Amino acid sequence: MTTLYDADFYAWANQQASLLRAGNLSALDIENIAEEIESMGKSERRELISRLTVLLQHLLKWQFQPGLRGNSWRYTIKVQRRDLARHLDDNPSLRAQLPAVLADAYASAALLAAGETGLPETTFPAECPWSYQQAADPDFWPGSDA
């Protein structure tokens, strides 16, 4: 049997919102609502990892290819720092996950930096050389005075 949740997610979401607003709790699709709420939380964590990966990737390129530094890298770093701060302000409980998220993001960032720079993967430290606080600091530019 196909449910509205399976057949038309948009209609299902609007229906569930209407039922909530009407206080008709017994008619709610509790199991799928719970799934969607969990999914939203995972999405916020994935966004944190994604933005941090981009930031770390560009910090690595900044440090290991000083001759190629330019405004594109500089502004990518600035935008990611700004967007990360805003994301953490909107989701402060994610701050507790920063150590694990930093390690996860760095592993991807190092691979991406190697791919983009053509430098061997072994050029980059095996573990993130910066704390989150350093990476997010607008005055931190590894290997330079910015």
N, C-alpha and C. Protein backbone atom coordinates (compact mmCIF):
# COMPACT_ATOMS: atom_id res chain seq x y z
N MET A 1 0.84 -1.18 0.00
CA MET A 1 0.00 0.00 0.00
C MET A 1 0.89 1.25 0.00
N THR A 2 0.68 2.12 -0.96
CA THR A 2 1.43 3.36 -1.06
C THR A 2 0.76 4.41 -0.18
N THR A 3 1.58 5.05 0.65
CA THR A 3 1.05 6.10 1.52
C THR A 3 1.30 7.46 0.86
N LEU A 4 0.66 8.47 1.39
CA LEU A 4 0.88 9.82 0.88
C LEU A 4 2.35 10.20 1.04
N TYR A 5 2.97 9.76 2.13
CA TYR A 5 4.39 10.03 2.37
C TYR A 5 5.24 9.50 1.21
N ASP A 6 4.91 8.31 0.73
CA ASP A 6 5.66 7.69 -0.37
C ASP A 6 5.31 8.28 -1.73
N ALA A 7 4.05 8.67 -1.89
CA ALA A 7 3.56 9.10 -3.20
C ALA A 7 3.80 10.58 -3.48
N ASP A 8 3.70 11.42 -2.44
CA ASP A 8 3.80 12.88 -2.66
C ASP A 8 4.28 13.52 -1.37
N PHE A 9 5.58 13.60 -1.23
CA PHE A 9 6.17 14.10 0.01
C PHE A 9 5.70 15.52 0.33
N TYR A 10 5.62 16.37 -0.68
CA TYR A 10 5.20 17.75 -0.46
C TYR A 10 3.79 17.80 0.12
N ALA A 11 2.89 17.04 -0.46
CA ALA A 11 1.50 17.01 0.05
C ALA A 11 1.48 16.44 1.46
N TRP A 12 2.27 15.39 1.70
CA TRP A 12 2.34 14.79 3.03
C TRP A 12 2.82 15.81 4.06
N ALA A 13 3.88 16.55 3.74
CA ALA A 13 4.43 17.53 4.67
C ALA A 13 3.40 18.61 5.00
N ASN A 14 2.70 19.08 4.00
CA ASN A 14 1.67 20.10 4.24
C ASN A 14 0.51 19.54 5.06
N GLN A 15 0.15 18.30 4.78
CA GLN A 15 -0.91 17.66 5.55
C GLN A 15 -0.51 17.54 7.03
N GLN A 16 0.72 17.10 7.28
CA GLN A 16 1.18 16.93 8.65
C GLN A 16 1.24 18.28 9.37
N ALA A 17 1.67 19.33 8.68
CA ALA A 17 1.70 20.67 9.28
C ALA A 17 0.29 21.12 9.64
N SER A 18 -0.67 20.88 8.76
CA SER A 18 -2.06 21.26 9.03
C SER A 18 -2.62 20.49 10.23
N LEU A 19 -2.31 19.20 10.29
CA LEU A 19 -2.77 18.40 11.42
C LEU A 19 -2.17 18.89 12.74
N LEU A 20 -0.88 19.23 12.71
CA LEU A 20 -0.23 19.77 13.91
C LEU A 20 -0.88 21.07 14.35
N ARG A 21 -1.08 21.97 13.39
CA ARG A 21 -1.69 23.26 13.72
C ARG A 21 -3.11 23.12 14.26
N ALA A 22 -3.81 22.12 13.76
CA ALA A 22 -5.19 21.89 14.20
C ALA A 22 -5.24 21.14 15.54
N GLY A 23 -4.08 20.66 15.99
CA GLY A 23 -4.05 19.91 17.24
C GLY A 23 -4.55 18.48 17.10
N ASN A 24 -4.63 18.00 15.88
CA ASN A 24 -5.13 16.65 15.61
C ASN A 24 -3.95 15.66 15.68
N LEU A 25 -3.43 15.49 16.86
CA LEU A 25 -2.22 14.69 17.05
C LEU A 25 -2.41 13.21 16.75
N SER A 26 -3.61 12.71 16.97
CA SER A 26 -3.84 11.28 16.74
C SER A 26 -3.79 10.91 15.26
N ALA A 27 -3.95 11.88 14.38
CA ALA A 27 -3.93 11.61 12.94
C ALA A 27 -2.53 11.77 12.33
N LEU A 28 -1.57 12.19 13.14
CA LEU A 28 -0.22 12.42 12.62
C LEU A 28 0.48 11.11 12.26
N ASP A 29 1.34 11.21 11.27
CA ASP A 29 2.19 10.10 10.84
C ASP A 29 3.49 10.18 11.66
N ILE A 30 3.42 9.76 12.92
CA ILE A 30 4.50 9.95 13.88
C ILE A 30 5.82 9.33 13.42
N GLU A 31 5.78 8.12 12.91
CA GLU A 31 7.01 7.43 12.51
C GLU A 31 7.74 8.21 11.42
N ASN A 32 7.04 8.64 10.39
CA ASN A 32 7.69 9.37 9.31
C ASN A 32 8.09 10.78 9.73
N ILE A 33 7.32 11.39 10.62
CA ILE A 33 7.72 12.70 11.14
C ILE A 33 9.04 12.56 11.90
N ALA A 34 9.16 11.54 12.72
CA ALA A 34 10.40 11.31 13.46
C ALA A 34 11.57 11.10 12.52
N GLU A 35 11.36 10.32 11.46
CA GLU A 35 12.41 10.08 10.45
C GLU A 35 12.86 11.39 9.82
N GLU A 36 11.91 12.23 9.48
CA GLU A 36 12.24 13.48 8.82
C GLU A 36 12.98 14.42 9.75
N ILE A 37 12.61 14.45 11.00
CA ILE A 37 13.30 15.31 11.96
C ILE A 37 14.74 14.84 12.15
N GLU A 38 14.94 13.52 12.26
CA GLU A 38 16.30 12.99 12.35
C GLU A 38 17.11 13.33 11.10
N SER A 39 16.47 13.23 9.96
CA SER A 39 17.14 13.54 8.70
C SER A 39 17.56 15.01 8.64
N MET A 40 16.72 15.88 9.17
CA MET A 40 17.07 17.31 9.19
C MET A 40 18.31 17.53 10.05
N GLY A 41 18.41 16.85 11.17
CA GLY A 41 19.58 16.98 12.03
C GLY A 41 20.84 16.49 11.33
N LYS A 42 20.74 15.37 10.64
CA LYS A 42 21.88 14.83 9.90
C LYS A 42 22.30 15.79 8.79
N SER A 43 21.34 16.43 8.18
CA SER A 43 21.62 17.38 7.11
C SER A 43 22.43 18.57 7.64
N GLU A 44 22.09 19.04 8.83
CA GLU A 44 22.83 20.16 9.42
C GLU A 44 24.28 19.74 9.70
N ARG A 45 24.47 18.53 10.17
CA ARG A 45 25.83 18.03 10.44
C ARG A 45 26.61 17.89 9.13
N ARG A 46 25.94 17.37 8.09
CA ARG A 46 26.60 17.23 6.78
C ARG A 46 27.01 18.60 6.23
N GLU A 47 26.17 19.61 6.42
CA GLU A 47 26.53 20.95 5.95
C GLU A 47 27.77 21.46 6.69
N LEU A 48 27.84 21.22 7.98
CA LEU A 48 29.01 21.62 8.75
C LEU A 48 30.27 20.96 8.20
N ILE A 49 30.20 19.66 7.95
CA ILE A 49 31.36 18.93 7.42
C ILE A 49 31.73 19.47 6.03
N SER A 50 30.74 19.70 5.21
CA SER A 50 31.00 20.18 3.85
C SER A 50 31.69 21.54 3.85
N ARG A 51 31.17 22.47 4.64
CA ARG A 51 31.77 23.81 4.69
C ARG A 51 33.17 23.76 5.29
N LEU A 52 33.34 22.95 6.31
CA LEU A 52 34.65 22.82 6.94
C LEU A 52 35.64 22.17 5.98
N THR A 53 35.20 21.22 5.20
CA THR A 53 36.07 20.58 4.20
C THR A 53 36.59 21.61 3.21
N VAL A 54 35.70 22.45 2.70
CA VAL A 54 36.11 23.48 1.74
C VAL A 54 37.10 24.45 2.38
N LEU A 55 36.81 24.87 3.61
CA LEU A 55 37.72 25.78 4.30
C LEU A 55 39.10 25.15 4.47
N LEU A 56 39.15 23.94 4.98
CA LEU A 56 40.43 23.28 5.22
C LEU A 56 41.18 23.02 3.92
N GLN A 57 40.47 22.63 2.89
CA GLN A 57 41.08 22.40 1.59
C GLN A 57 41.79 23.68 1.10
N HIS A 58 41.13 24.80 1.22
CA HIS A 58 41.72 26.05 0.76
C HIS A 58 42.84 26.53 1.68
N LEU A 59 42.74 26.25 2.97
CA LEU A 59 43.85 26.59 3.87
C LEU A 59 45.09 25.75 3.53
N LEU A 60 44.87 24.50 3.17
CA LEU A 60 46.00 23.65 2.76
C LEU A 60 46.63 24.19 1.47
N LYS A 61 45.80 24.52 0.51
CA LYS A 61 46.34 25.07 -0.74
C LYS A 61 47.08 26.37 -0.46
N TRP A 62 46.52 27.20 0.43
CA TRP A 62 47.15 28.47 0.79
C TRP A 62 48.54 28.23 1.38
N GLN A 63 48.64 27.25 2.26
CA GLN A 63 49.92 26.99 2.92
C GLN A 63 50.93 26.32 1.99
N PHE A 64 50.47 25.35 1.20
CA PHE A 64 51.41 24.53 0.43
C PHE A 64 51.64 24.99 -1.00
N GLN A 65 50.90 25.98 -1.45
CA GLN A 65 51.15 26.55 -2.77
C GLN A 65 51.16 28.08 -2.68
N PRO A 66 52.12 28.62 -1.94
CA PRO A 66 52.13 30.07 -1.72
C PRO A 66 52.23 30.88 -3.01
N GLY A 67 52.84 30.33 -4.02
CA GLY A 67 52.99 31.05 -5.28
C GLY A 67 51.69 31.19 -6.06
N LEU A 68 50.68 30.43 -5.67
CA LEU A 68 49.40 30.48 -6.39
C LEU A 68 48.30 31.18 -5.61
N ARG A 69 48.65 31.76 -4.47
CA ARG A 69 47.64 32.45 -3.66
C ARG A 69 47.02 33.58 -4.47
N GLY A 70 45.72 33.68 -4.34
CA GLY A 70 45.03 34.75 -5.05
C GLY A 70 43.72 35.08 -4.37
N ASN A 71 43.02 36.02 -4.95
CA ASN A 71 41.76 36.46 -4.36
C ASN A 71 40.70 35.37 -4.33
N SER A 72 40.70 34.47 -5.28
CA SER A 72 39.71 33.40 -5.29
C SER A 72 39.83 32.54 -4.03
N TRP A 73 41.03 32.13 -3.70
CA TRP A 73 41.25 31.32 -2.49
C TRP A 73 40.95 32.16 -1.25
N ARG A 74 41.43 33.41 -1.24
CA ARG A 74 41.23 34.28 -0.08
C ARG A 74 39.73 34.45 0.21
N TYR A 75 38.95 34.70 -0.83
CA TYR A 75 37.53 34.93 -0.59
C TYR A 75 36.76 33.65 -0.32
N THR A 76 37.22 32.53 -0.85
CA THR A 76 36.59 31.26 -0.48
C THR A 76 36.80 31.00 1.01
N ILE A 77 38.01 31.25 1.48
CA ILE A 77 38.31 31.06 2.90
C ILE A 77 37.44 32.00 3.75
N LYS A 78 37.37 33.25 3.36
CA LYS A 78 36.58 34.22 4.13
C LYS A 78 35.09 33.85 4.16
N VAL A 79 34.56 33.46 3.01
CA VAL A 79 33.14 33.10 2.94
C VAL A 79 32.86 31.86 3.77
N GLN A 80 33.72 30.85 3.69
CA GLN A 80 33.49 29.63 4.46
C GLN A 80 33.57 29.91 5.96
N ARG A 81 34.49 30.75 6.37
CA ARG A 81 34.58 31.11 7.79
C ARG A 81 33.29 31.80 8.24
N ARG A 82 32.82 32.72 7.43
CA ARG A 82 31.59 33.45 7.76
C ARG A 82 30.40 32.51 7.82
N ASP A 83 30.28 31.64 6.82
CA ASP A 83 29.14 30.73 6.76
C ASP A 83 29.20 29.67 7.86
N LEU A 84 30.40 29.22 8.20
CA LEU A 84 30.55 28.27 9.32
C LEU A 84 30.11 28.91 10.63
N ALA A 85 30.52 30.14 10.86
CA ALA A 85 30.12 30.83 12.10
C ALA A 85 28.61 30.97 12.17
N ARG A 86 28.00 31.34 11.07
CA ARG A 86 26.55 31.49 11.03
C ARG A 86 25.86 30.14 11.25
N HIS A 87 26.39 29.09 10.63
CA HIS A 87 25.80 27.76 10.77
C HIS A 87 25.86 27.29 12.23
N LEU A 88 26.99 27.54 12.88
CA LEU A 88 27.13 27.15 14.29
C LEU A 88 26.28 28.03 15.20
N ASP A 89 26.08 29.28 14.84
CA ASP A 89 25.17 30.13 15.61
C ASP A 89 23.74 29.61 15.52
N ASP A 90 23.38 29.12 14.34
CA ASP A 90 22.03 28.57 14.13
C ASP A 90 21.86 27.19 14.75
N ASN A 91 22.97 26.46 14.93
CA ASN A 91 22.95 25.09 15.44
C ASN A 91 24.04 24.92 16.51
N PRO A 92 23.92 25.63 17.65
CA PRO A 92 25.01 25.63 18.63
C PRO A 92 25.36 24.26 19.20
N SER A 93 24.45 23.31 19.19
CA SER A 93 24.78 21.99 19.73
C SER A 93 25.79 21.26 18.86
N LEU A 94 25.98 21.70 17.62
CA LEU A 94 26.99 21.08 16.76
C LEU A 94 28.41 21.40 17.23
N ARG A 95 28.58 22.42 18.03
CA ARG A 95 29.92 22.78 18.53
C ARG A 95 30.56 21.61 19.28
N ALA A 96 29.75 20.85 19.98
CA ALA A 96 30.27 19.71 20.74
C ALA A 96 30.85 18.64 19.81
N GLN A 97 30.45 18.64 18.56
CA GLN A 97 30.93 17.64 17.61
C GLN A 97 32.13 18.11 16.79
N LEU A 98 32.59 19.33 17.04
CA LEU A 98 33.67 19.89 16.23
C LEU A 98 34.94 19.03 16.17
N PRO A 99 35.42 18.44 17.27
CA PRO A 99 36.63 17.62 17.14
C PRO A 99 36.48 16.46 16.14
N ALA A 100 35.37 15.74 16.22
CA ALA A 100 35.15 14.62 15.29
C ALA A 100 34.90 15.12 13.87
N VAL A 101 34.14 16.18 13.76
CA VAL A 101 33.82 16.74 12.45
C VAL A 101 35.08 17.29 11.78
N LEU A 102 35.95 17.93 12.57
CA LEU A 102 37.19 18.47 12.03
C LEU A 102 38.05 17.35 11.44
N ALA A 103 38.17 16.25 12.15
CA ALA A 103 38.97 15.12 11.65
C ALA A 103 38.37 14.56 10.37
N ASP A 104 37.06 14.42 10.33
CA ASP A 104 36.38 13.89 9.15
C ASP A 104 36.56 14.83 7.96
N ALA A 105 36.32 16.11 8.20
CA ALA A 105 36.45 17.10 7.12
C ALA A 105 37.88 17.19 6.62
N TYR A 106 38.84 17.12 7.52
CA TYR A 106 40.24 17.24 7.12
C TYR A 106 40.66 16.09 6.21
N ALA A 107 40.21 14.90 6.51
CA ALA A 107 40.58 13.75 5.67
C ALA A 107 40.16 13.99 4.22
N SER A 108 38.96 14.50 4.04
CA SER A 108 38.48 14.81 2.68
C SER A 108 39.23 16.00 2.10
N ALA A 109 39.46 17.02 2.93
CA ALA A 109 40.13 18.23 2.46
C ALA A 109 41.53 17.93 1.94
N ALA A 110 42.24 17.06 2.65
CA ALA A 110 43.60 16.72 2.22
C ALA A 110 43.59 15.99 0.88
N LEU A 111 42.64 15.09 0.71
CA LEU A 111 42.52 14.38 -0.58
C LEU A 111 42.17 15.36 -1.71
N LEU A 112 41.23 16.24 -1.44
CA LEU A 112 40.83 17.22 -2.47
C LEU A 112 41.98 18.17 -2.80
N ALA A 113 42.71 18.60 -1.77
CA ALA A 113 43.84 19.50 -2.00
C ALA A 113 44.91 18.80 -2.83
N ALA A 114 45.17 17.54 -2.55
CA ALA A 114 46.15 16.78 -3.34
C ALA A 114 45.70 16.69 -4.79
N GLY A 115 44.42 16.41 -4.99
CA GLY A 115 43.90 16.30 -6.35
C GLY A 115 43.97 17.61 -7.11
N GLU A 116 43.69 18.71 -6.44
CA GLU A 116 43.69 20.01 -7.13
C GLU A 116 45.09 20.57 -7.33
N THR A 117 45.99 20.31 -6.40
CA THR A 117 47.33 20.89 -6.51
C THR A 117 48.28 20.02 -7.32
N GLY A 118 47.97 18.73 -7.41
CA GLY A 118 48.90 17.81 -8.06
C GLY A 118 50.03 17.39 -7.13
N LEU A 119 50.02 17.86 -5.92
CA LEU A 119 51.03 17.47 -4.94
C LEU A 119 50.70 16.08 -4.40
N PRO A 120 51.71 15.31 -4.02
CA PRO A 120 51.43 13.98 -3.45
C PRO A 120 50.62 14.12 -2.15
N GLU A 121 49.78 13.14 -1.90
CA GLU A 121 48.97 13.15 -0.67
C GLU A 121 49.85 13.25 0.57
N THR A 122 51.04 12.67 0.49
CA THR A 122 51.95 12.69 1.65
C THR A 122 52.51 14.08 1.94
N THR A 123 52.28 15.04 1.05
CA THR A 123 52.70 16.42 1.29
C THR A 123 51.96 17.00 2.48
N PHE A 124 50.72 16.57 2.64
CA PHE A 124 49.85 17.15 3.66
C PHE A 124 49.91 16.32 4.94
N PRO A 125 49.85 16.99 6.09
CA PRO A 125 49.88 16.25 7.35
C PRO A 125 48.76 15.20 7.41
N ALA A 126 49.04 14.10 8.08
CA ALA A 126 48.05 13.02 8.20
C ALA A 126 46.85 13.46 9.03
N GLU A 127 47.08 14.35 9.98
CA GLU A 127 46.00 14.87 10.81
C GLU A 127 45.95 16.38 10.66
N CYS A 128 44.81 16.93 10.90
CA CYS A 128 44.63 18.38 10.75
C CYS A 128 45.63 19.13 11.63
N PRO A 129 46.41 20.01 11.04
CA PRO A 129 47.41 20.74 11.82
C PRO A 129 46.85 21.93 12.60
N TRP A 130 45.56 22.20 12.43
CA TRP A 130 44.96 23.37 13.08
C TRP A 130 43.76 22.95 13.92
N SER A 131 43.53 23.70 14.95
CA SER A 131 42.29 23.53 15.72
C SER A 131 41.17 24.21 14.93
N TYR A 132 39.94 23.91 15.31
CA TYR A 132 38.83 24.61 14.66
C TYR A 132 38.96 26.11 14.89
N GLN A 133 39.34 26.49 16.10
CA GLN A 133 39.46 27.91 16.43
C GLN A 133 40.46 28.60 15.52
N GLN A 134 41.57 27.96 15.24
CA GLN A 134 42.55 28.53 14.31
C GLN A 134 41.98 28.65 12.91
N ALA A 135 41.44 27.55 12.42
CA ALA A 135 40.93 27.54 11.05
C ALA A 135 39.84 28.59 10.85
N ALA A 136 39.03 28.82 11.87
CA ALA A 136 37.92 29.75 11.76
C ALA A 136 38.33 31.20 12.05
N ASP A 137 39.52 31.40 12.56
CA ASP A 137 39.98 32.74 12.92
C ASP A 137 40.24 33.58 11.67
N PRO A 138 39.57 34.72 11.54
CA PRO A 138 39.75 35.54 10.33
C PRO A 138 41.16 36.09 10.15
N ASP A 139 41.96 36.08 11.22
CA ASP A 139 43.34 36.57 11.11
C ASP A 139 44.36 35.46 10.87
N PHE A 140 43.88 34.22 10.79
CA PHE A 140 44.79 33.08 10.60
C PHE A 140 44.93 32.76 9.12
N TRP A 141 46.16 32.84 8.63
CA TRP A 141 46.50 32.51 7.25
C TRP A 141 47.79 31.69 7.31
N PRO A 142 47.70 30.36 7.22
CA PRO A 142 48.88 29.52 7.44
C PRO A 142 50.01 29.83 6.47
N GLY A 143 51.19 29.98 7.04
CA GLY A 143 52.37 30.19 6.20
C GLY A 143 52.49 31.58 5.62
N SER A 144 51.71 32.53 6.12
CA SER A 144 51.80 33.89 5.57
C SER A 144 51.27 34.91 6.56
N ASP A 145 51.45 36.15 6.18
CA ASP A 145 50.88 37.26 6.95
C ASP A 145 49.57 37.71 6.31
N ALA A 146 49.12 36.97 5.31
CA ALA A 146 47.90 37.26 4.56
C ALA A 146 48.06 38.54 3.82
